[in-house]
Amino acid sequence: MFKNLKIIDISTVLAGPSVGTFFAELGAQVIKVEHPENYDVTRSWKLPSEKKENTSAYFASVNYGKSYERLDLSQVKDHEIFMSFIKESDLLIMNFKPGDQNKLKISDEELWKANPKL
């Protein structure tokens, strides 16, 4: 259904990641972008029965069907890679708290400048 749709997902926890998973299940290409060290906190939300070295079942269930990129958007090279993804994307899913977008130099204006169709 959405096989020609390309989505970048930089959201965390439940609502945002679930939206990305719904699109992935319907055929969209969804790339989840996480910081290389401060990745999505839900990777560590484990039941007592889950092995420490495994990704949590919670994370896996709300990020099913996605590919993953680890990028530090505060680093020039990684920021450039991210913006190249944006230029080729149809949709961006994010749920940052106020101010975080500007700190990472991905304000709405900068994103729309890179891809007016976003």
PDB file of N, CA and C in Angstrom:
ATOM      1  N   MET A   1       0.815  -1.197   0.000  1.00  0.00           N
ATOM      2  CA  MET A   1       0.000   0.000   0.000  1.00  0.00           C
ATOM      3  C   MET A   1       0.864   1.268   0.000  1.00  0.00           C
ATOM      4  N   PHE A   2       1.908   1.308   0.843  1.00  0.00           N
ATOM      5  CA  PHE A   2       2.773   2.489   0.941  1.00  0.00           C
ATOM      6  C   PHE A   2       4.203   2.175   0.514  1.00  0.00           C
ATOM      7  N   LYS A   3       4.388   1.262  -0.432  1.00  0.00           N
ATOM      8  CA  LYS A   3       5.732   0.801  -0.772  1.00  0.00           C
ATOM      9  C   LYS A   3       6.637   1.898  -1.314  1.00  0.00           C
ATOM     10  N   ASN A   4       6.097   2.984  -1.826  1.00  0.00           N
ATOM     11  CA  ASN A   4       6.917   4.083  -2.346  1.00  0.00           C
ATOM     12  C   ASN A   4       7.108   5.206  -1.340  1.00  0.00           C
ATOM     13  N   LEU A   5       6.650   5.012  -0.113  1.00  0.00           N
ATOM     14  CA  LEU A   5       6.745   6.039   0.921  1.00  0.00           C
ATOM     15  C   LEU A   5       8.014   5.834   1.740  1.00  0.00           C
ATOM     16  N   LYS A   6       8.785   6.908   1.915  1.00  0.00           N
ATOM     17  CA  LYS A   6      10.005   6.848   2.726  1.00  0.00           C
ATOM     18  C   LYS A   6       9.818   7.741   3.947  1.00  0.00           C
ATOM     19  N   ILE A   7      10.032   7.154   5.124  1.00  0.00           N
ATOM     20  CA  ILE A   7       9.775   7.838   6.394  1.00  0.00           C
ATOM     21  C   ILE A   7      11.015   7.793   7.266  1.00  0.00           C
ATOM     22  N   ILE A   8      11.320   8.928   7.889  1.00  0.00           N
ATOM     23  CA  ILE A   8      12.378   9.003   8.889  1.00  0.00           C
ATOM     24  C   ILE A   8      11.693   9.116  10.248  1.00  0.00           C
ATOM     25  N   ASP A   9      12.109   8.285  11.185  1.00  0.00           N
ATOM     26  CA  ASP A   9      11.509   8.246  12.522  1.00  0.00           C
ATOM     27  C   ASP A   9      12.579   8.579  13.553  1.00  0.00           C
ATOM     28  N   ILE A  10      12.434   9.729  14.199  1.00  0.00           N
ATOM     29  CA  ILE A  10      13.359  10.100  15.278  1.00  0.00           C
ATOM     30  C   ILE A  10      12.596  10.241  16.596  1.00  0.00           C
ATOM     31  N   SER A  11      11.501   9.515  16.697  1.00  0.00           N
ATOM     32  CA  SER A  11      10.674   9.575  17.897  1.00  0.00           C
ATOM     33  C   SER A  11      11.085   8.496  18.895  1.00  0.00           C
ATOM     34  N   THR A  12      10.556   8.618  20.105  1.00  0.00           N
ATOM     35  CA  THR A  12      10.859   7.645  21.157  1.00  0.00           C
ATOM     36  C   THR A  12       9.585   7.245  21.899  1.00  0.00           C
ATOM     37  N   VAL A  13       9.678   6.228  22.675  1.00  0.00           N
ATOM     38  CA  VAL A  13       8.687   5.682  23.596  1.00  0.00           C
ATOM     39  C   VAL A  13       7.546   4.985  22.849  1.00  0.00           C
ATOM     40  N   LEU A  14       6.341   5.542  22.749  1.00  0.00           N
ATOM     41  CA  LEU A  14       5.224   4.762  22.212  1.00  0.00           C
ATOM     42  C   LEU A  14       4.535   5.385  21.003  1.00  0.00           C
ATOM     43  N   ALA A  15       3.987   6.571  21.150  1.00  0.00           N
ATOM     44  CA  ALA A  15       3.123   7.128  20.101  1.00  0.00           C
ATOM     45  C   ALA A  15       3.843   7.255  18.762  1.00  0.00           C
ATOM     46  N   GLY A  16       4.968   7.953  18.734  1.00  0.00           N
ATOM     47  CA  GLY A  16       5.707   8.145  17.484  1.00  0.00           C
ATOM     48  C   GLY A  16       6.188   6.843  16.876  1.00  0.00           C
ATOM     49  N   PRO A  17       6.907   6.019  17.636  1.00  0.00           N
ATOM     50  CA  PRO A  17       7.374   4.754  17.073  1.00  0.00           C
ATOM     51  C   PRO A  17       6.241   3.857  16.565  1.00  0.00           C
ATOM     52  N   SER A  18       5.102   3.881  17.237  1.00  0.00           N
ATOM     53  CA  SER A  18       3.969   3.065  16.781  1.00  0.00           C
ATOM     54  C   SER A  18       3.475   3.515  15.413  1.00  0.00           C
ATOM     55  N   VAL A  19       3.440   4.830  15.185  1.00  0.00           N
ATOM     56  CA  VAL A  19       3.026   5.352  13.880  1.00  0.00           C
ATOM     57  C   VAL A  19       3.964   4.821  12.794  1.00  0.00           C
ATOM     58  N   GLY A  20       5.273   4.873  13.059  1.00  0.00           N
ATOM     59  CA  GLY A  20       6.241   4.355  12.096  1.00  0.00           C
ATOM     60  C   GLY A  20       6.046   2.880  11.817  1.00  0.00           C
ATOM     61  N   THR A  21       5.752   2.117  12.845  1.00  0.00           N
ATOM     62  CA  THR A  21       5.524   0.682  12.680  1.00  0.00           C
ATOM     63  C   THR A  21       4.275   0.415  11.847  1.00  0.00           C
ATOM     64  N   PHE A  22       3.216   1.190  12.062  1.00  0.00           N
ATOM     65  CA  PHE A  22       2.002   1.019  11.252  1.00  0.00           C
ATOM     66  C   PHE A  22       2.321   1.214   9.771  1.00  0.00           C
ATOM     67  N   PHE A  23       3.096   2.273   9.460  1.00  0.00           N
ATOM     68  CA  PHE A  23       3.477   2.515   8.066  1.00  0.00           C
ATOM     69  C   PHE A  23       4.359   1.383   7.528  1.00  0.00           C
ATOM     70  N   ALA A  24       5.311   0.916   8.341  1.00  0.00           N
ATOM     71  CA  ALA A  24       6.191  -0.178   7.905  1.00  0.00           C
ATOM     72  C   ALA A  24       5.385  -1.436   7.598  1.00  0.00           C
ATOM     73  N   GLU A  25       4.402  -1.727   8.430  1.00  0.00           N
ATOM     74  CA  GLU A  25       3.565  -2.904   8.201  1.00  0.00           C
ATOM     75  C   GLU A  25       2.765  -2.801   6.905  1.00  0.00           C
ATOM     76  N   LEU A  26       2.540  -1.565   6.444  1.00  0.00           N
ATOM     77  CA  LEU A  26       1.797  -1.347   5.198  1.00  0.00           C
ATOM     78  C   LEU A  26       2.725  -1.116   4.013  1.00  0.00           C
ATOM     79  N   GLY A  27       4.032  -1.395   4.196  1.00  0.00           N
ATOM     80  CA  GLY A  27       4.968  -1.389   3.089  1.00  0.00           C
ATOM     81  C   GLY A  27       5.917  -0.218   2.982  1.00  0.00           C
ATOM     82  N   ALA A  28       5.769   0.801   3.810  1.00  0.00           N
ATOM     83  CA  ALA A  28       6.662   1.960   3.735  1.00  0.00           C
ATOM     84  C   ALA A  28       8.072   1.592   4.193  1.00  0.00           C
ATOM     85  N   GLN A  29       9.046   2.313   3.650  1.00  0.00           N
ATOM     86  CA  GLN A  29      10.425   2.187   4.135  1.00  0.00           C
ATOM     87  C   GLN A  29      10.562   3.159   5.304  1.00  0.00           C
ATOM     88  N   VAL A  30      10.817   2.642   6.491  1.00  0.00           N
ATOM     89  CA  VAL A  30      10.930   3.474   7.689  1.00  0.00           C
ATOM     90  C   VAL A  30      12.330   3.312   8.256  1.00  0.00           C
ATOM     91  N   ILE A  31      13.013   4.439   8.417  1.00  0.00           N
ATOM     92  CA  ILE A  31      14.354   4.443   8.997  1.00  0.00           C
ATOM     93  C   ILE A  31      14.273   5.112  10.360  1.00  0.00           C
ATOM     94  N   LYS A  32      14.574   4.361  11.401  1.00  0.00           N
ATOM     95  CA  LYS A  32      14.618   4.920  12.754  1.00  0.00           C
ATOM     96  C   LYS A  32      16.030   5.427  12.994  1.00  0.00           C
ATOM     97  N   VAL A  33      16.135   6.700  13.336  1.00  0.00           N
ATOM     98  CA  VAL A  33      17.429   7.322  13.600  1.00  0.00           C
ATOM     99  C   VAL A  33      17.556   7.521  15.104  1.00  0.00           C
ATOM    100  N   GLU A  34      18.655   6.991  15.657  1.00  0.00           N
ATOM    101  CA  GLU A  34      18.924   7.116  17.089  1.00  0.00           C
ATOM    102  C   GLU A  34      20.332   7.645  17.297  1.00  0.00           C
ATOM    103  N   HIS A  35      20.546   8.294  18.419  1.00  0.00           N
ATOM    104  CA  HIS A  35      21.887   8.727  18.811  1.00  0.00           C
ATOM    105  C   HIS A  35      22.727   7.475  19.059  1.00  0.00           C
ATOM    106  N   PRO A  36      24.013   7.494  18.685  1.00  0.00           N
ATOM    107  CA  PRO A  36      24.853   6.297  18.855  1.00  0.00           C
ATOM    108  C   PRO A  36      25.023   5.841  20.303  1.00  0.00           C
ATOM    109  N   GLU A  37      24.922   6.752  21.248  1.00  0.00           N
ATOM    110  CA  GLU A  37      25.106   6.380  22.659  1.00  0.00           C
ATOM    111  C   GLU A  37      23.827   6.547  23.472  1.00  0.00           C
ATOM    112  N   ASN A  38      23.091   7.601  23.222  1.00  0.00           N
ATOM    113  CA  ASN A  38      21.859   7.874  23.973  1.00  0.00           C
ATOM    114  C   ASN A  38      20.661   7.454  23.137  1.00  0.00           C
ATOM    115  N   TYR A  39      20.615   6.173  22.818  1.00  0.00           N
ATOM    116  CA  TYR A  39      19.569   5.656  21.941  1.00  0.00           C
ATOM    117  C   TYR A  39      18.217   5.650  22.637  1.00  0.00           C
ATOM    118  N   ASP A  40      17.220   5.226  21.919  1.00  0.00           N
ATOM    119  CA  ASP A  40      15.853   5.182  22.441  1.00  0.00           C
ATOM    120  C   ASP A  40      15.834   4.438  23.778  1.00  0.00           C
ATOM    121  N   VAL A  41      15.369   5.115  24.794  1.00  0.00           N
ATOM    122  CA  VAL A  41      15.376   4.584  26.158  1.00  0.00           C
ATOM    123  C   VAL A  41      14.600   3.273  26.269  1.00  0.00           C
ATOM    124  N   THR A  42      13.636   3.067  25.389  1.00  0.00           N
ATOM    125  CA  THR A  42      12.828   1.852  25.500  1.00  0.00           C
ATOM    126  C   THR A  42      13.587   0.586  25.121  1.00  0.00           C
ATOM    127  N   ARG A  43      14.773   0.730  24.540  1.00  0.00           N
ATOM    128  CA  ARG A  43      15.601  -0.463  24.288  1.00  0.00           C
ATOM    129  C   ARG A  43      15.913  -1.179  25.607  1.00  0.00           C
ATOM    130  N   SER A  44      15.952  -0.409  26.701  1.00  0.00           N
ATOM    131  CA  SER A  44      16.318  -0.991  27.998  1.00  0.00           C
ATOM    132  C   SER A  44      15.109  -1.271  28.896  1.00  0.00           C
ATOM    133  N   TRP A  45      13.913  -1.031  28.438  1.00  0.00           N
ATOM    134  CA  TRP A  45      12.712  -1.304  29.231  1.00  0.00           C
ATOM    135  C   TRP A  45      12.390  -2.794  29.148  1.00  0.00           C
ATOM    136  N   LYS A  46      12.991  -3.559  30.034  1.00  0.00           N
ATOM    137  CA  LYS A  46      12.890  -5.017  29.951  1.00  0.00           C
ATOM    138  C   LYS A  46      12.130  -5.619  31.123  1.00  0.00           C
ATOM    139  N   LEU A  47      11.490  -6.716  30.820  1.00  0.00           N
ATOM    140  CA  LEU A  47      10.884  -7.523  31.866  1.00  0.00           C
ATOM    141  C   LEU A  47      11.995  -8.267  32.592  1.00  0.00           C
ATOM    142  N   PRO A  48      11.772  -8.675  33.829  1.00  0.00           N
ATOM    143  CA  PRO A  48      12.805  -9.420  34.546  1.00  0.00           C
ATOM    144  C   PRO A  48      13.265 -10.677  33.809  1.00  0.00           C
ATOM    145  N   SER A  49      12.401 -11.245  33.010  1.00  0.00           N
ATOM    146  CA  SER A  49      12.745 -12.480  32.296  1.00  0.00           C
ATOM    147  C   SER A  49      13.571 -12.242  31.025  1.00  0.00           C
ATOM    148  N   GLU A  50      13.707 -10.982  30.596  1.00  0.00           N
ATOM    149  CA  GLU A  50      14.459 -10.697  29.369  1.00  0.00           C
ATOM    150  C   GLU A  50      15.955 -10.630  29.648  1.00  0.00           C
ATOM    151  N   LYS A  51      16.745 -11.158  28.721  1.00  0.00           N
ATOM    152  CA  LYS A  51      18.196 -11.149  28.873  1.00  0.00           C
ATOM    153  C   LYS A  51      18.744  -9.737  28.712  1.00  0.00           C
ATOM    154  N   LYS A  52      19.755  -9.438  29.509  1.00  0.00           N
ATOM    155  CA  LYS A  52      20.352  -8.108  29.509  1.00  0.00           C
ATOM    156  C   LYS A  52      20.883  -7.706  28.133  1.00  0.00           C
ATOM    157  N   GLU A  53      21.477  -8.648  27.415  1.00  0.00           N
ATOM    158  CA  GLU A  53      22.107  -8.332  26.128  1.00  0.00           C
ATOM    159  C   GLU A  53      21.100  -8.165  24.986  1.00  0.00           C
ATOM    160  N   ASN A  54      19.851  -8.530  25.194  1.00  0.00           N
ATOM    161  CA  ASN A  54      18.838  -8.426  24.142  1.00  0.00           C
ATOM    162  C   ASN A  54      18.126  -7.075  24.189  1.00  0.00           C
ATOM    163  N   THR A  55      17.640  -6.653  23.039  1.00  0.00           N
ATOM    164  CA  THR A  55      16.770  -5.482  22.978  1.00  0.00           C
ATOM    165  C   THR A  55      15.446  -5.852  23.629  1.00  0.00           C
ATOM    166  N   SER A  56      14.830  -4.902  24.303  1.00  0.00           N
ATOM    167  CA  SER A  56      13.577  -5.203  24.998  1.00  0.00           C
ATOM    168  C   SER A  56      12.461  -5.560  24.020  1.00  0.00           C
ATOM    169  N   ALA A  57      11.573  -6.399  24.483  1.00  0.00           N
ATOM    170  CA  ALA A  57      10.405  -6.769  23.682  1.00  0.00           C
ATOM    171  C   ALA A  57       9.554  -5.534  23.400  1.00  0.00           C
ATOM    172  N   TYR A  58       9.504  -4.624  24.354  1.00  0.00           N
ATOM    173  CA  TYR A  58       8.746  -3.380  24.166  1.00  0.00           C
ATOM    174  C   TYR A  58       9.276  -2.619  22.959  1.00  0.00           C
ATOM    175  N   PHE A  59      10.593  -2.377  22.935  1.00  0.00           N
ATOM    176  CA  PHE A  59      11.207  -1.643  21.822  1.00  0.00           C
ATOM    177  C   PHE A  59      10.945  -2.367  20.508  1.00  0.00           C
ATOM    178  N   ALA A  60      11.159  -3.666  20.506  1.00  0.00           N
ATOM    179  CA  ALA A  60      10.972  -4.451  19.281  1.00  0.00           C
ATOM    180  C   ALA A  60       9.537  -4.359  18.768  1.00  0.00           C
ATOM    181  N   SER A  61       8.578  -4.334  19.674  1.00  0.00           N
ATOM    182  CA  SER A  61       7.175  -4.326  19.246  1.00  0.00           C
ATOM    183  C   SER A  61       6.741  -2.993  18.661  1.00  0.00           C
ATOM    184  N   VAL A  62       7.306  -1.879  19.112  1.00  0.00           N
ATOM    185  CA  VAL A  62       6.904  -0.571  18.572  1.00  0.00           C
ATOM    186  C   VAL A  62       7.856  -0.066  17.492  1.00  0.00           C
ATOM    187  N   ASN A  63       8.846  -0.873  17.130  1.00  0.00           N
ATOM    188  CA  ASN A  63       9.784  -0.494  16.067  1.00  0.00           C
ATOM    189  C   ASN A  63       9.936  -1.602  15.031  1.00  0.00           C
ATOM    190  N   TYR A  64       8.950  -2.463  14.962  1.00  0.00           N
ATOM    191  CA  TYR A  64       8.944  -3.597  14.042  1.00  0.00           C
ATOM    192  C   TYR A  64       8.974  -3.115  12.591  1.00  0.00           C
ATOM    193  N   GLY A  65       9.804  -3.756  11.778  1.00  0.00           N
ATOM    194  CA  GLY A  65       9.813  -3.485  10.349  1.00  0.00           C
ATOM    195  C   GLY A  65      10.644  -2.300   9.909  1.00  0.00           C
ATOM    196  N   LYS A  66      11.385  -1.696  10.822  1.00  0.00           N
ATOM    197  CA  LYS A  66      12.188  -0.514  10.496  1.00  0.00           C
ATOM    198  C   LYS A  66      13.649  -0.895  10.300  1.00  0.00           C
ATOM    199  N   SER A  67      14.361  -0.054   9.557  1.00  0.00           N
ATOM    200  CA  SER A  67      15.819  -0.155   9.535  1.00  0.00           C
ATOM    201  C   SER A  67      16.337   0.901  10.508  1.00  0.00           C
ATOM    202  N   TYR A  68      17.597   0.787  10.892  1.00  0.00           N
ATOM    203  CA  TYR A  68      18.133   1.654  11.941  1.00  0.00           C
ATOM    204  C   TYR A  68      19.413   2.335  11.493  1.00  0.00           C
ATOM    205  N   GLU A  69      19.534   3.593  11.886  1.00  0.00           N
ATOM    206  CA  GLU A  69      20.760   4.368  11.686  1.00  0.00           C
ATOM    207  C   GLU A  69      21.086   5.032  13.013  1.00  0.00           C
ATOM    208  N   ARG A  70      22.341   4.995  13.369  1.00  0.00           N
ATOM    209  CA  ARG A  70      22.790   5.691  14.581  1.00  0.00           C
ATOM    210  C   ARG A  70      23.550   6.934  14.146  1.00  0.00           C
ATOM    211  N   LEU A  71      22.997   8.094  14.445  1.00  0.00           N
ATOM    212  CA  LEU A  71      23.596   9.367  14.057  1.00  0.00           C
ATOM    213  C   LEU A  71      23.574  10.328  15.231  1.00  0.00           C
ATOM    214  N   ASP A  72      24.665  11.037  15.417  1.00  0.00           N
ATOM    215  CA  ASP A  72      24.753  12.106  16.409  1.00  0.00           C
ATOM    216  C   ASP A  72      24.542  13.414  15.662  1.00  0.00           C
ATOM    217  N   LEU A  73      23.342  13.956  15.737  1.00  0.00           N
ATOM    218  CA  LEU A  73      22.997  15.136  14.944  1.00  0.00           C
ATOM    219  C   LEU A  73      23.765  16.384  15.346  1.00  0.00           C
ATOM    220  N   SER A  74      24.478  16.344  16.467  1.00  0.00           N
ATOM    221  CA  SER A  74      25.317  17.485  16.852  1.00  0.00           C
ATOM    222  C   SER A  74      26.662  17.459  16.125  1.00  0.00           C
ATOM    223  N   GLN A  75      26.961  16.356  15.452  1.00  0.00           N
ATOM    224  CA  GLN A  75      28.199  16.229  14.680  1.00  0.00           C
ATOM    225  C   GLN A  75      27.918  16.558  13.211  1.00  0.00           C
ATOM    226  N   VAL A  76      28.788  17.367  12.617  1.00  0.00           N
ATOM    227  CA  VAL A  76      28.557  17.869  11.257  1.00  0.00           C
ATOM    228  C   VAL A  76      28.301  16.741  10.261  1.00  0.00           C
ATOM    229  N   LYS A  77      29.162  15.743  10.241  1.00  0.00           N
ATOM    230  CA  LYS A  77      29.018  14.654   9.263  1.00  0.00           C
ATOM    231  C   LYS A  77      27.687  13.924   9.434  1.00  0.00           C
ATOM    232  N   ASP A  78      27.345  13.592  10.675  1.00  0.00           N
ATOM    233  CA  ASP A  78      26.088  12.886  10.933  1.00  0.00           C
ATOM    234  C   ASP A  78      24.878  13.764  10.600  1.00  0.00           C
ATOM    235  N   HIS A  79      24.987  15.063  10.898  1.00  0.00           N
ATOM    236  CA  HIS A  79      23.902  15.993  10.570  1.00  0.00           C
ATOM    237  C   HIS A  79      23.693  16.036   9.056  1.00  0.00           C
ATOM    238  N   GLU A  80      24.786  16.057   8.303  1.00  0.00           N
ATOM    239  CA  GLU A  80      24.690  16.064   6.838  1.00  0.00           C
ATOM    240  C   GLU A  80      24.033  14.782   6.320  1.00  0.00           C
ATOM    241  N   ILE A  81      24.386  13.656   6.910  1.00  0.00           N
ATOM    242  CA  ILE A  81      23.763  12.383   6.520  1.00  0.00           C
ATOM    243  C   ILE A  81      22.263  12.432   6.802  1.00  0.00           C
ATOM    244  N   PHE A  82      21.910  12.915   7.989  1.00  0.00           N
ATOM    245  CA  PHE A  82      20.498  13.026   8.356  1.00  0.00           C
ATOM    246  C   PHE A  82      19.746  13.915   7.369  1.00  0.00           C
ATOM    247  N   MET A  83      20.331  15.064   7.041  1.00  0.00           N
ATOM    248  CA  MET A  83      19.663  15.982   6.116  1.00  0.00           C
ATOM    249  C   MET A  83      19.546  15.367   4.720  1.00  0.00           C
ATOM    250  N   SER A  84      20.488  14.514   4.340  1.00  0.00           N
ATOM    251  CA  SER A  84      20.356  13.823   3.047  1.00  0.00           C
ATOM    252  C   SER A  84      19.176  12.853   3.085  1.00  0.00           C
ATOM    253  N   PHE A  85      18.929  12.228   4.239  1.00  0.00           N
ATOM    254  CA  PHE A  85      17.742  11.384   4.400  1.00  0.00           C
ATOM    255  C   PHE A  85      16.477  12.226   4.252  1.00  0.00           C
ATOM    256  N   ILE A  86      16.486  13.397   4.899  1.00  0.00           N
ATOM    257  CA  ILE A  86      15.325  14.289   4.867  1.00  0.00           C
ATOM    258  C   ILE A  86      14.999  14.689   3.429  1.00  0.00           C
ATOM    259  N   LYS A  87      16.026  15.004   2.653  1.00  0.00           N
ATOM    260  CA  LYS A  87      15.811  15.437   1.262  1.00  0.00           C
ATOM    261  C   LYS A  87      15.086  14.381   0.435  1.00  0.00           C
ATOM    262  N   GLU A  88      15.236  13.120   0.805  1.00  0.00           N
ATOM    263  CA  GLU A  88      14.640  12.020   0.036  1.00  0.00           C
ATOM    264  C   GLU A  88      13.392  11.430   0.697  1.00  0.00           C
ATOM    265  N   SER A  89      12.936  12.036   1.789  1.00  0.00           N
ATOM    266  CA  SER A  89      11.834  11.462   2.564  1.00  0.00           C
ATOM    267  C   SER A  89      10.507  12.140   2.267  1.00  0.00           C
ATOM    268  N   ASP A  90       9.459  11.409   2.596  1.00  0.00           N
ATOM    269  CA  ASP A  90       8.107  11.934   2.451  1.00  0.00           C
ATOM    270  C   ASP A  90       7.531  12.397   3.785  1.00  0.00           C
ATOM    271  N   LEU A  91       8.039  11.821   4.866  1.00  0.00           N
ATOM    272  CA  LEU A  91       7.450  12.063   6.175  1.00  0.00           C
ATOM    273  C   LEU A  91       8.528  11.953   7.248  1.00  0.00           C
ATOM    274  N   LEU A  92       8.429  12.794   8.257  1.00  0.00           N
ATOM    275  CA  LEU A  92       9.315  12.733   9.422  1.00  0.00           C
ATOM    276  C   LEU A  92       8.445  12.577  10.655  1.00  0.00           C
ATOM    277  N   ILE A  93       8.766  11.578  11.459  1.00  0.00           N
ATOM    278  CA  ILE A  93       8.055  11.361  12.720  1.00  0.00           C
ATOM    279  C   ILE A  93       8.998  11.749  13.846  1.00  0.00           C
ATOM    280  N   MET A  94       8.572  12.705  14.674  1.00  0.00           N
ATOM    281  CA  MET A  94       9.393  13.090  15.830  1.00  0.00           C
ATOM    282  C   MET A  94       8.491  13.562  16.949  1.00  0.00           C
ATOM    283  N   ASN A  95       9.003  13.455  18.157  1.00  0.00           N
ATOM    284  CA  ASN A  95       8.254  13.902  19.330  1.00  0.00           C
ATOM    285  C   ASN A  95       9.201  14.535  20.345  1.00  0.00           C
ATOM    286  N   PHE A  96      10.027  15.456  19.870  1.00  0.00           N
ATOM    287  CA  PHE A  96      10.971  16.143  20.746  1.00  0.00           C
ATOM    288  C   PHE A  96      10.256  17.122  21.663  1.00  0.00           C
ATOM    289  N   LYS A  97      10.858  17.370  22.802  1.00  0.00           N
ATOM    290  CA  LYS A  97      10.325  18.409  23.677  1.00  0.00           C
ATOM    291  C   LYS A  97      10.728  19.771  23.102  1.00  0.00           C
ATOM    292  N   PRO A  98      10.004  20.836  23.464  1.00  0.00           N
ATOM    293  CA  PRO A  98      10.306  22.160  22.918  1.00  0.00           C
ATOM    294  C   PRO A  98      11.780  22.531  23.103  1.00  0.00           C
ATOM    295  N   GLY A  99      12.371  23.046  22.046  1.00  0.00           N
ATOM    296  CA  GLY A  99      13.759  23.492  22.087  1.00  0.00           C
ATOM    297  C   GLY A  99      14.759  22.491  21.547  1.00  0.00           C
ATOM    298  N   ASP A 100      14.451  21.198  21.631  1.00  0.00           N
ATOM    299  CA  ASP A 100      15.407  20.180  21.175  1.00  0.00           C
ATOM    300  C   ASP A 100      15.656  20.248  19.676  1.00  0.00           C
ATOM    301  N   GLN A 101      14.622  20.531  18.902  1.00  0.00           N
ATOM    302  CA  GLN A 101      14.792  20.645  17.451  1.00  0.00           C
ATOM    303  C   GLN A 101      15.816  21.719  17.110  1.00  0.00           C
ATOM    304  N   ASN A 102      15.695  22.864  17.754  1.00  0.00           N
ATOM    305  CA  ASN A 102      16.612  23.969  17.457  1.00  0.00           C
ATOM    306  C   ASN A 102      18.033  23.649  17.893  1.00  0.00           C
ATOM    307  N   LYS A 103      18.198  22.968  19.027  1.00  0.00           N
ATOM    308  CA  LYS A 103      19.539  22.578  19.484  1.00  0.00           C
ATOM    309  C   LYS A 103      20.235  21.693  18.459  1.00  0.00           C
ATOM    310  N   LEU A 104      19.470  20.854  17.796  1.00  0.00           N
ATOM    311  CA  LEU A 104      20.027  19.913  16.821  1.00  0.00           C
ATOM    312  C   LEU A 104      20.047  20.487  15.403  1.00  0.00           C
ATOM    313  N   LYS A 105      19.651  21.742  15.277  1.00  0.00           N
ATOM    314  CA  LYS A 105      19.616  22.432  13.978  1.00  0.00           C
ATOM    315  C   LYS A 105      18.711  21.713  12.979  1.00  0.00           C
ATOM    316  N   ILE A 106      17.571  21.284  13.489  1.00  0.00           N
ATOM    317  CA  ILE A 106      16.569  20.682  12.610  1.00  0.00           C
ATOM    318  C   ILE A 106      15.206  21.329  12.879  1.00  0.00           C
ATOM    319  N   SER A 107      15.195  22.652  12.883  1.00  0.00           N
ATOM    320  CA  SER A 107      13.938  23.371  13.068  1.00  0.00           C
ATOM    321  C   SER A 107      13.019  23.068  11.892  1.00  0.00           C
ATOM    322  N   ASP A 108      11.744  23.351  12.067  1.00  0.00           N
ATOM    323  CA  ASP A 108      10.797  23.133  10.975  1.00  0.00           C
ATOM    324  C   ASP A 108      11.250  23.860   9.713  1.00  0.00           C
ATOM    325  N   GLU A 109      11.738  25.089   9.879  1.00  0.00           N
ATOM    326  CA  GLU A 109      12.182  25.880   8.727  1.00  0.00           C
ATOM    327  C   GLU A 109      13.346  25.204   8.004  1.00  0.00           C
ATOM    328  N   GLU A 110      14.310  24.690   8.765  1.00  0.00           N
ATOM    329  CA  GLU A 110      15.464  24.014   8.152  1.00  0.00           C
ATOM    330  C   GLU A 110      15.044  22.725   7.444  1.00  0.00           C
ATOM    331  N   LEU A 111      14.117  22.011   8.040  1.00  0.00           N
ATOM    332  CA  LEU A 111      13.633  20.774   7.430  1.00  0.00           C
ATOM    333  C   LEU A 111      12.874  21.065   6.136  1.00  0.00           C
ATOM    334  N   TRP A 112      12.001  22.071   6.166  1.00  0.00           N
ATOM    335  CA  TRP A 112      11.223  22.407   4.970  1.00  0.00           C
ATOM    336  C   TRP A 112      12.105  23.001   3.882  1.00  0.00           C
ATOM    337  N   LYS A 113      13.161  23.694   4.282  1.00  0.00           N
ATOM    338  CA  LYS A 113      14.106  24.220   3.290  1.00  0.00           C
ATOM    339  C   LYS A 113      14.785  23.055   2.555  1.00  0.00           C
ATOM    340  N   ALA A 114      15.144  22.021   3.302  1.00  0.00           N
ATOM    341  CA  ALA A 114      15.785  20.839   2.708  1.00  0.00           C
ATOM    342  C   ALA A 114      14.803  20.031   1.863  1.00  0.00           C
ATOM    343  N   ASN A 115      13.535  20.011   2.275  1.00  0.00           N
ATOM    344  CA  ASN A 115      12.529  19.222   1.555  1.00  0.00           C
ATOM    345  C   ASN A 115      11.155  19.880   1.719  1.00  0.00           C
ATOM    346  N   PRO A 116      10.786  20.755   0.794  1.00  0.00           N
ATOM    347  CA  PRO A 116       9.498  21.451   0.893  1.00  0.00           C
ATOM    348  C   PRO A 116       8.284  20.515   0.887  1.00  0.00           C
ATOM    349  N   LYS A 117       8.434  19.281   0.410  1.00  0.00           N
ATOM    350  CA  LYS A 117       7.319  18.325   0.372  1.00  0.00           C
ATOM    351  C   LYS A 117       7.134  17.596   1.703  1.00  0.00           C
ATOM    352  N   LEU A 118       8.071  17.763   2.616  1.00  0.00           N
ATOM    353  CA  LEU A 118       8.046  17.032   3.881  1.00  0.00           C
ATOM    354  C   LEU A 118       6.791  17.361   4.671  1.00  0.00           C
TER     355      LEU A 118
END
